[in-house]
Amino acid sequence: MCRVSTSRSMASPDIAGKGVANPVACMLSGALLLDDLGHTGAARHIRDAVAATLRDARHHTADLGGNATTADVSSAVLHAMESQEWDI
């Protein structure tokens, strides 16, 4: 199977450059790519960090009813990844 992965960075040009886009889809796309490459542990690590982050409403972007920025969510996911045990 061959999968093509791409970022949809210009799917919403009205919010481009404003720091309000939800970065989760890009992160989960990266996890899918890691799965396809056989790095299932790393993919699971990303998915677990995203899930842990989204359980806290402070990390919701406008599309989820919150006011977090792209950078806020990205930083929170990275922090969650650093706080997790790696099971790879």
PDB file of N, CA and C in Angstrom:
ATOM      1  N   MET A   1       0.846  -1.180   0.000  1.00  0.00           N
ATOM      2  CA  MET A   1       0.000   0.000   0.000  1.00  0.00           C
ATOM      3  C   MET A   1       0.891   1.242   0.000  1.00  0.00           C
ATOM      4  N   CYS A   2       0.471   2.215  -0.725  1.00  0.00           N
ATOM      5  CA  CYS A   2       1.182   3.488  -0.772  1.00  0.00           C
ATOM      6  C   CYS A   2       0.243   4.579  -0.278  1.00  0.00           C
ATOM      7  N   ARG A   3       0.718   5.371   0.637  1.00  0.00           N
ATOM      8  CA  ARG A   3      -0.091   6.477   1.150  1.00  0.00           C
ATOM      9  C   ARG A   3       0.639   7.787   0.875  1.00  0.00           C
ATOM     10  N   VAL A   4      -0.090   8.747   0.420  1.00  0.00           N
ATOM     11  CA  VAL A   4       0.460  10.077   0.197  1.00  0.00           C
ATOM     12  C   VAL A   4       0.010  10.955   1.352  1.00  0.00           C
ATOM     13  N   SER A   5       0.974  11.583   2.018  1.00  0.00           N
ATOM     14  CA  SER A   5       0.652  12.462   3.139  1.00  0.00           C
ATOM     15  C   SER A   5       0.939  13.894   2.747  1.00  0.00           C
ATOM     16  N   THR A   6       0.033  14.758   3.103  1.00  0.00           N
ATOM     17  CA  THR A   6       0.214  16.171   2.795  1.00  0.00           C
ATOM     18  C   THR A   6      -0.434  17.029   3.865  1.00  0.00           C
ATOM     19  N   SER A   7       0.091  18.191   4.056  1.00  0.00           N
ATOM     20  CA  SER A   7      -0.490  19.143   4.988  1.00  0.00           C
ATOM     21  C   SER A   7      -1.482  20.019   4.235  1.00  0.00           C
ATOM     22  N   ARG A   8      -2.570  20.342   4.894  1.00  0.00           N
ATOM     23  CA  ARG A   8      -3.587  21.194   4.269  1.00  0.00           C
ATOM     24  C   ARG A   8      -3.449  22.623   4.807  1.00  0.00           C
ATOM     25  N   SER A   9      -2.254  23.149   4.777  1.00  0.00           N
ATOM     26  CA  SER A   9      -1.981  24.437   5.414  1.00  0.00           C
ATOM     27  C   SER A   9      -2.767  25.603   4.810  1.00  0.00           C
ATOM     28  N   MET A  10      -3.169  25.493   3.577  1.00  0.00           N
ATOM     29  CA  MET A  10      -3.899  26.604   2.961  1.00  0.00           C
ATOM     30  C   MET A  10      -5.375  26.271   2.771  1.00  0.00           C
ATOM     31  N   ALA A  11      -5.871  25.287   3.523  1.00  0.00           N
ATOM     32  CA  ALA A  11      -7.271  24.906   3.395  1.00  0.00           C
ATOM     33  C   ALA A  11      -8.193  26.016   3.888  1.00  0.00           C
ATOM     34  N   SER A  12      -7.691  26.878   4.745  1.00  0.00           N
ATOM     35  CA  SER A  12      -8.470  28.000   5.288  1.00  0.00           C
ATOM     36  C   SER A  12      -7.649  29.277   5.197  1.00  0.00           C
ATOM     37  N   PRO A  13      -7.529  29.831   4.003  1.00  0.00           N
ATOM     38  CA  PRO A  13      -6.685  31.024   3.843  1.00  0.00           C
ATOM     39  C   PRO A  13      -7.160  32.208   4.684  1.00  0.00           C
ATOM     40  N   ASP A  14      -8.421  32.196   5.131  1.00  0.00           N
ATOM     41  CA  ASP A  14      -8.930  33.302   5.935  1.00  0.00           C
ATOM     42  C   ASP A  14      -8.278  33.365   7.321  1.00  0.00           C
ATOM     43  N   ILE A  15      -7.702  32.254   7.796  1.00  0.00           N
ATOM     44  CA  ILE A  15      -7.051  32.277   9.108  1.00  0.00           C
ATOM     45  C   ILE A  15      -5.539  32.123   9.008  1.00  0.00           C
ATOM     46  N   ALA A  16      -5.010  32.013   7.788  1.00  0.00           N
ATOM     47  CA  ALA A  16      -3.572  31.839   7.594  1.00  0.00           C
ATOM     48  C   ALA A  16      -2.789  32.973   8.251  1.00  0.00           C
ATOM     49  N   GLY A  17      -1.790  32.596   9.019  1.00  0.00           N
ATOM     50  CA  GLY A  17      -0.907  33.563   9.651  1.00  0.00           C
ATOM     51  C   GLY A  17      -1.454  34.217  10.911  1.00  0.00           C
ATOM     52  N   LYS A  18      -2.637  33.821  11.338  1.00  0.00           N
ATOM     53  CA  LYS A  18      -3.246  34.433  12.520  1.00  0.00           C
ATOM     54  C   LYS A  18      -2.991  33.645  13.800  1.00  0.00           C
ATOM     55  N   GLY A  19      -2.436  32.447  13.679  1.00  0.00           N
ATOM     56  CA  GLY A  19      -2.130  31.649  14.861  1.00  0.00           C
ATOM     57  C   GLY A  19      -3.344  31.055  15.540  1.00  0.00           C
ATOM     58  N   VAL A  20      -4.421  30.878  14.795  1.00  0.00           N
ATOM     59  CA  VAL A  20      -5.648  30.348  15.394  1.00  0.00           C
ATOM     60  C   VAL A  20      -6.034  28.971  14.838  1.00  0.00           C
ATOM     61  N   ALA A  21      -5.256  28.437  13.928  1.00  0.00           N
ATOM     62  CA  ALA A  21      -5.568  27.130  13.345  1.00  0.00           C
ATOM     63  C   ALA A  21      -5.324  26.023  14.362  1.00  0.00           C
ATOM     64  N   ASN A  22      -6.145  24.994  14.287  1.00  0.00           N
ATOM     65  CA  ASN A  22      -5.983  23.833  15.147  1.00  0.00           C
ATOM     66  C   ASN A  22      -4.921  22.927  14.511  1.00  0.00           C
ATOM     67  N   PRO A  23      -3.783  22.697  15.187  1.00  0.00           N
ATOM     68  CA  PRO A  23      -2.695  21.906  14.611  1.00  0.00           C
ATOM     69  C   PRO A  23      -2.865  20.396  14.774  1.00  0.00           C
ATOM     70  N   VAL A  24      -3.938  19.966  15.423  1.00  0.00           N
ATOM     71  CA  VAL A  24      -4.097  18.554  15.761  1.00  0.00           C
ATOM     72  C   VAL A  24      -4.173  17.662  14.523  1.00  0.00           C
ATOM     73  N   ALA A  25      -4.871  18.075  13.486  1.00  0.00           N
ATOM     74  CA  ALA A  25      -4.981  17.244  12.282  1.00  0.00           C
ATOM     75  C   ALA A  25      -3.608  16.984  11.670  1.00  0.00           C
ATOM     76  N   CYS A  26      -2.764  17.994  11.656  1.00  0.00           N
ATOM     77  CA  CYS A  26      -1.406  17.820  11.119  1.00  0.00           C
ATOM     78  C   CYS A  26      -0.620  16.837  11.982  1.00  0.00           C
ATOM     79  N   MET A  27      -0.773  16.960  13.293  1.00  0.00           N
ATOM     80  CA  MET A  27      -0.062  16.057  14.206  1.00  0.00           C
ATOM     81  C   MET A  27      -0.527  14.614  14.011  1.00  0.00           C
ATOM     82  N   LEU A  28      -1.836  14.426  13.892  1.00  0.00           N
ATOM     83  CA  LEU A  28      -2.357  13.076  13.717  1.00  0.00           C
ATOM     84  C   LEU A  28      -2.010  12.519  12.340  1.00  0.00           C
ATOM     85  N   SER A  29      -1.903  13.386  11.335  1.00  0.00           N
ATOM     86  CA  SER A  29      -1.440  12.936  10.017  1.00  0.00           C
ATOM     87  C   SER A  29      -0.004  12.434  10.112  1.00  0.00           C
ATOM     88  N   GLY A  30       0.799  13.127  10.891  1.00  0.00           N
ATOM     89  CA  GLY A  30       2.173  12.676  11.127  1.00  0.00           C
ATOM     90  C   GLY A  30       2.207  11.322  11.810  1.00  0.00           C
ATOM     91  N   ALA A  31       1.289  11.110  12.765  1.00  0.00           N
ATOM     92  CA  ALA A  31       1.210   9.818  13.448  1.00  0.00           C
ATOM     93  C   ALA A  31       0.840   8.711  12.457  1.00  0.00           C
ATOM     94  N   LEU A  32      -0.086   8.999  11.549  1.00  0.00           N
ATOM     95  CA  LEU A  32      -0.449   8.005  10.524  1.00  0.00           C
ATOM     96  C   LEU A  32       0.746   7.655   9.647  1.00  0.00           C
ATOM     97  N   LEU A  33       1.511   8.658   9.282  1.00  0.00           N
ATOM     98  CA  LEU A  33       2.700   8.419   8.466  1.00  0.00           C
ATOM     99  C   LEU A  33       3.699   7.556   9.231  1.00  0.00           C
ATOM    100  N   LEU A  34       3.895   7.844  10.518  1.00  0.00           N
ATOM    101  CA  LEU A  34       4.796   7.019  11.331  1.00  0.00           C
ATOM    102  C   LEU A  34       4.301   5.579  11.410  1.00  0.00           C
ATOM    103  N   ASP A  35       2.977   5.400  11.545  1.00  0.00           N
ATOM    104  CA  ASP A  35       2.410   4.046  11.519  1.00  0.00           C
ATOM    105  C   ASP A  35       2.770   3.333  10.227  1.00  0.00           C
ATOM    106  N   ASP A  36       2.588   4.015   9.108  1.00  0.00           N
ATOM    107  CA  ASP A  36       2.879   3.422   7.801  1.00  0.00           C
ATOM    108  C   ASP A  36       4.353   3.051   7.653  1.00  0.00           C
ATOM    109  N   LEU A  37       5.211   3.797   8.332  1.00  0.00           N
ATOM    110  CA  LEU A  37       6.653   3.535   8.261  1.00  0.00           C
ATOM    111  C   LEU A  37       7.099   2.498   9.289  1.00  0.00           C
ATOM    112  N   GLY A  38       6.139   1.983  10.058  1.00  0.00           N
ATOM    113  CA  GLY A  38       6.462   0.952  11.037  1.00  0.00           C
ATOM    114  C   GLY A  38       6.849   1.466  12.408  1.00  0.00           C
ATOM    115  N   HIS A  39       6.719   2.756  12.631  1.00  0.00           N
ATOM    116  CA  HIS A  39       7.073   3.353  13.929  1.00  0.00           C
ATOM    117  C   HIS A  39       5.808   3.509  14.786  1.00  0.00           C
ATOM    118  N   THR A  40       5.188   2.382  15.093  1.00  0.00           N
ATOM    119  CA  THR A  40       3.897   2.417  15.778  1.00  0.00           C
ATOM    120  C   THR A  40       3.989   2.987  17.186  1.00  0.00           C
ATOM    121  N   GLY A  41       5.089   2.753  17.871  1.00  0.00           N
ATOM    122  CA  GLY A  41       5.253   3.300  19.219  1.00  0.00           C
ATOM    123  C   GLY A  41       5.301   4.814  19.207  1.00  0.00           C
ATOM    124  N   ALA A  42       6.048   5.380  18.267  1.00  0.00           N
ATOM    125  CA  ALA A  42       6.132   6.838  18.162  1.00  0.00           C
ATOM    126  C   ALA A  42       4.778   7.424  17.774  1.00  0.00           C
ATOM    127  N   ALA A  43       4.070   6.733  16.879  1.00  0.00           N
ATOM    128  CA  ALA A  43       2.739   7.197  16.464  1.00  0.00           C
ATOM    129  C   ALA A  43       1.782   7.198  17.648  1.00  0.00           C
ATOM    130  N   ARG A  44       1.813   6.138  18.441  1.00  0.00           N
ATOM    131  CA  ARG A  44       0.954   6.045  19.617  1.00  0.00           C
ATOM    132  C   ARG A  44       1.306   7.145  20.629  1.00  0.00           C
ATOM    133  N   HIS A  45       2.583   7.440  20.752  1.00  0.00           N
ATOM    134  CA  HIS A  45       3.047   8.496  21.659  1.00  0.00           C
ATOM    135  C   HIS A  45       2.429   9.843  21.264  1.00  0.00           C
ATOM    136  N   ILE A  46       2.404  10.142  19.988  1.00  0.00           N
ATOM    137  CA  ILE A  46       1.804  11.387  19.502  1.00  0.00           C
ATOM    138  C   ILE A  46       0.298  11.387  19.774  1.00  0.00           C
ATOM    139  N   ARG A  47      -0.380  10.297  19.395  1.00  0.00           N
ATOM    140  CA  ARG A  47      -1.832  10.226  19.609  1.00  0.00           C
ATOM    141  C   ARG A  47      -2.200  10.356  21.082  1.00  0.00           C
ATOM    142  N   ASP A  48      -1.434   9.705  21.965  1.00  0.00           N
ATOM    143  CA  ASP A  48      -1.706   9.787  23.399  1.00  0.00           C
ATOM    144  C   ASP A  48      -1.511  11.212  23.916  1.00  0.00           C
ATOM    145  N   ALA A  49      -0.474  11.895  23.429  1.00  0.00           N
ATOM    146  CA  ALA A  49      -0.218  13.270  23.862  1.00  0.00           C
ATOM    147  C   ALA A  49      -1.311  14.211  23.371  1.00  0.00           C
ATOM    148  N   VAL A  50      -1.764  14.011  22.152  1.00  0.00           N
ATOM    149  CA  VAL A  50      -2.856  14.834  21.613  1.00  0.00           C
ATOM    150  C   VAL A  50      -4.120  14.609  22.435  1.00  0.00           C
ATOM    151  N   ALA A  51      -4.441  13.357  22.713  1.00  0.00           N
ATOM    152  CA  ALA A  51      -5.649  13.041  23.489  1.00  0.00           C
ATOM    153  C   ALA A  51      -5.572  13.654  24.888  1.00  0.00           C
ATOM    154  N   ALA A  52      -4.421  13.531  25.527  1.00  0.00           N
ATOM    155  CA  ALA A  52      -4.259  14.106  26.868  1.00  0.00           C
ATOM    156  C   ALA A  52      -4.407  15.620  26.837  1.00  0.00           C
ATOM    157  N   THR A  53      -3.883  16.238  25.809  1.00  0.00           N
ATOM    158  CA  THR A  53      -3.968  17.695  25.672  1.00  0.00           C
ATOM    159  C   THR A  53      -5.412  18.147  25.481  1.00  0.00           C
ATOM    160  N   LEU A  54      -6.138  17.460  24.623  1.00  0.00           N
ATOM    161  CA  LEU A  54      -7.505  17.876  24.307  1.00  0.00           C
ATOM    162  C   LEU A  54      -8.502  17.607  25.429  1.00  0.00           C
ATOM    163  N   ARG A  55      -8.104  16.792  26.414  1.00  0.00           N
ATOM    164  CA  ARG A  55      -8.992  16.589  27.565  1.00  0.00           C
ATOM    165  C   ARG A  55      -9.120  17.852  28.406  1.00  0.00           C
ATOM    166  N   ASP A  56      -8.178  18.767  28.248  1.00  0.00           N
ATOM    167  CA  ASP A  56      -8.183  20.025  28.990  1.00  0.00           C
ATOM    168  C   ASP A  56      -8.708  21.130  28.074  1.00  0.00           C
ATOM    169  N   ALA A  57      -9.857  21.686  28.411  1.00  0.00           N
ATOM    170  CA  ALA A  57     -10.504  22.699  27.565  1.00  0.00           C
ATOM    171  C   ALA A  57      -9.653  23.953  27.379  1.00  0.00           C
ATOM    172  N   ARG A  58      -8.674  24.176  28.236  1.00  0.00           N
ATOM    173  CA  ARG A  58      -7.781  25.341  28.053  1.00  0.00           C
ATOM    174  C   ARG A  58      -6.984  25.234  26.757  1.00  0.00           C
ATOM    175  N   HIS A  59      -6.897  24.029  26.220  1.00  0.00           N
ATOM    176  CA  HIS A  59      -6.109  23.797  25.005  1.00  0.00           C
ATOM    177  C   HIS A  59      -6.986  23.605  23.780  1.00  0.00           C
ATOM    178  N   HIS A  60      -8.195  24.142  23.822  1.00  0.00           N
ATOM    179  CA  HIS A  60      -9.097  24.059  22.670  1.00  0.00           C
ATOM    180  C   HIS A  60      -8.982  25.322  21.837  1.00  0.00           C
ATOM    181  N   THR A  61      -8.808  25.147  20.553  1.00  0.00           N
ATOM    182  CA  THR A  61      -8.795  26.274  19.627  1.00  0.00           C
ATOM    183  C   THR A  61     -10.239  26.689  19.335  1.00  0.00           C
ATOM    184  N   ALA A  62     -10.399  27.767  18.594  1.00  0.00           N
ATOM    185  CA  ALA A  62     -11.736  28.327  18.342  1.00  0.00           C
ATOM    186  C   ALA A  62     -12.693  27.315  17.721  1.00  0.00           C
ATOM    187  N   ASP A  63     -12.196  26.447  16.845  1.00  0.00           N
ATOM    188  CA  ASP A  63     -13.077  25.458  16.208  1.00  0.00           C
ATOM    189  C   ASP A  63     -13.639  24.455  17.207  1.00  0.00           C
ATOM    190  N   LEU A  64     -13.020  24.372  18.380  1.00  0.00           N
ATOM    191  CA  LEU A  64     -13.500  23.479  19.439  1.00  0.00           C
ATOM    192  C   LEU A  64     -14.175  24.262  20.568  1.00  0.00           C
ATOM    193  N   GLY A  65     -14.417  25.541  20.331  1.00  0.00           N
ATOM    194  CA  GLY A  65     -15.106  26.363  21.319  1.00  0.00           C
ATOM    195  C   GLY A  65     -14.206  27.044  22.332  1.00  0.00           C
ATOM    196  N   GLY A  66     -12.904  27.029  22.082  1.00  0.00           N
ATOM    197  CA  GLY A  66     -11.958  27.645  23.009  1.00  0.00           C
ATOM    198  C   GLY A  66     -11.282  28.867  22.421  1.00  0.00           C
ATOM    199  N   ASN A  67     -10.224  29.300  23.074  1.00  0.00           N
ATOM    200  CA  ASN A  67      -9.486  30.458  22.566  1.00  0.00           C
ATOM    201  C   ASN A  67      -7.975  30.233  22.555  1.00  0.00           C
ATOM    202  N   ALA A  68      -7.546  28.968  22.609  1.00  0.00           N
ATOM    203  CA  ALA A  68      -6.114  28.666  22.547  1.00  0.00           C
ATOM    204  C   ALA A  68      -5.597  28.937  21.136  1.00  0.00           C
ATOM    205  N   THR A  69      -4.354  29.329  21.057  1.00  0.00           N
ATOM    206  CA  THR A  69      -3.716  29.572  19.764  1.00  0.00           C
ATOM    207  C   THR A  69      -3.059  28.290  19.252  1.00  0.00           C
ATOM    208  N   THR A  70      -2.623  28.332  18.013  1.00  0.00           N
ATOM    209  CA  THR A  70      -1.894  27.217  17.422  1.00  0.00           C
ATOM    210  C   THR A  70      -0.664  26.900  18.262  1.00  0.00           C
ATOM    211  N   ALA A  71       0.059  27.942  18.669  1.00  0.00           N
ATOM    212  CA  ALA A  71       1.262  27.753  19.482  1.00  0.00           C
ATOM    213  C   ALA A  71       0.928  27.177  20.853  1.00  0.00           C
ATOM    214  N   ASP A  72      -0.181  27.620  21.446  1.00  0.00           N
ATOM    215  CA  ASP A  72      -0.593  27.089  22.755  1.00  0.00           C
ATOM    216  C   ASP A  72      -0.807  25.576  22.680  1.00  0.00           C
ATOM    217  N   VAL A  73      -1.548  25.151  21.683  1.00  0.00           N
ATOM    218  CA  VAL A  73      -1.861  23.722  21.544  1.00  0.00           C
ATOM    219  C   VAL A  73      -0.593  22.936  21.233  1.00  0.00           C
ATOM    220  N   SER A  74       0.220  23.450  20.332  1.00  0.00           N
ATOM    221  CA  SER A  74       1.466  22.765  19.976  1.00  0.00           C
ATOM    222  C   SER A  74       2.370  22.599  21.189  1.00  0.00           C
ATOM    223  N   SER A  75       2.513  23.649  21.966  1.00  0.00           N
ATOM    224  CA  SER A  75       3.337  23.586  23.178  1.00  0.00           C
ATOM    225  C   SER A  75       2.771  22.598  24.186  1.00  0.00           C
ATOM    226  N   ALA A  76       1.462  22.579  24.327  1.00  0.00           N
ATOM    227  CA  ALA A  76       0.827  21.659  25.272  1.00  0.00           C
ATOM    228  C   ALA A  76       1.034  20.208  24.854  1.00  0.00           C
ATOM    229  N   VAL A  77       0.938  19.930  23.559  1.00  0.00           N
ATOM    230  CA  VAL A  77       1.163  18.566  23.079  1.00  0.00           C
ATOM    231  C   VAL A  77       2.623  18.171  23.301  1.00  0.00           C
ATOM    232  N   LEU A  78       3.538  19.066  23.007  1.00  0.00           N
ATOM    233  CA  LEU A  78       4.959  18.767  23.249  1.00  0.00           C
ATOM    234  C   LEU A  78       5.216  18.507  24.726  1.00  0.00           C
ATOM    235  N   HIS A  79       4.616  19.297  25.590  1.00  0.00           N
ATOM    236  CA  HIS A  79       4.768  19.094  27.026  1.00  0.00           C
ATOM    237  C   HIS A  79       4.211  17.729  27.436  1.00  0.00           C
ATOM    238  N   ALA A  80       3.068  17.368  26.887  1.00  0.00           N
ATOM    239  CA  ALA A  80       2.479  16.061  27.186  1.00  0.00           C
ATOM    240  C   ALA A  80       3.392  14.927  26.713  1.00  0.00           C
ATOM    241  N   MET A  81       4.017  15.114  25.565  1.00  0.00           N
ATOM    242  CA  MET A  81       4.937  14.093  25.051  1.00  0.00           C
ATOM    243  C   MET A  81       6.152  13.956  25.959  1.00  0.00           C
ATOM    244  N   GLU A  82       6.655  15.076  26.436  1.00  0.00           N
ATOM    245  CA  GLU A  82       7.823  15.045  27.323  1.00  0.00           C
ATOM    246  C   GLU A  82       7.478  14.415  28.667  1.00  0.00           C
ATOM    247  N   SER A  83       6.227  14.516  29.074  1.00  0.00           N
ATOM    248  CA  SER A  83       5.789  13.987  30.367  1.00  0.00           C
ATOM    249  C   SER A  83       5.468  12.501  30.322  1.00  0.00           C
ATOM    250  N   GLN A  84       5.306  11.949  29.132  1.00  0.00           N
ATOM    251  CA  GLN A  84       4.936  10.540  28.982  1.00  0.00           C
ATOM    252  C   GLN A  84       6.150   9.639  28.969  1.00  0.00           C
ATOM    253  N   GLU A  85       5.911   8.398  29.377  1.00  0.00           N
ATOM    254  CA  GLU A  85       6.923   7.347  29.218  1.00  0.00           C
ATOM    255  C   GLU A  85       6.893   6.894  27.766  1.00  0.00           C
ATOM    256  N   TRP A  86       8.055   6.696  27.189  1.00  0.00           N
ATOM    257  CA  TRP A  86       8.126   6.183  25.821  1.00  0.00           C
ATOM    258  C   TRP A  86       8.068   4.672  25.855  1.00  0.00           C
ATOM    259  N   ASP A  87       7.148   4.098  25.120  1.00  0.00           N
ATOM    260  CA  ASP A  87       7.024   2.645  25.003  1.00  0.00           C
ATOM    261  C   ASP A  87       7.226   2.265  23.545  1.00  0.00           C
ATOM    262  N   ILE A  88       8.475   2.347  23.127  1.00  0.00           N
ATOM    263  CA  ILE A  88       8.778   2.109  21.710  1.00  0.00           C
ATOM    264  C   ILE A  88       9.607   0.845  21.587  1.00  0.00           C
TER     265      ILE A  88
END
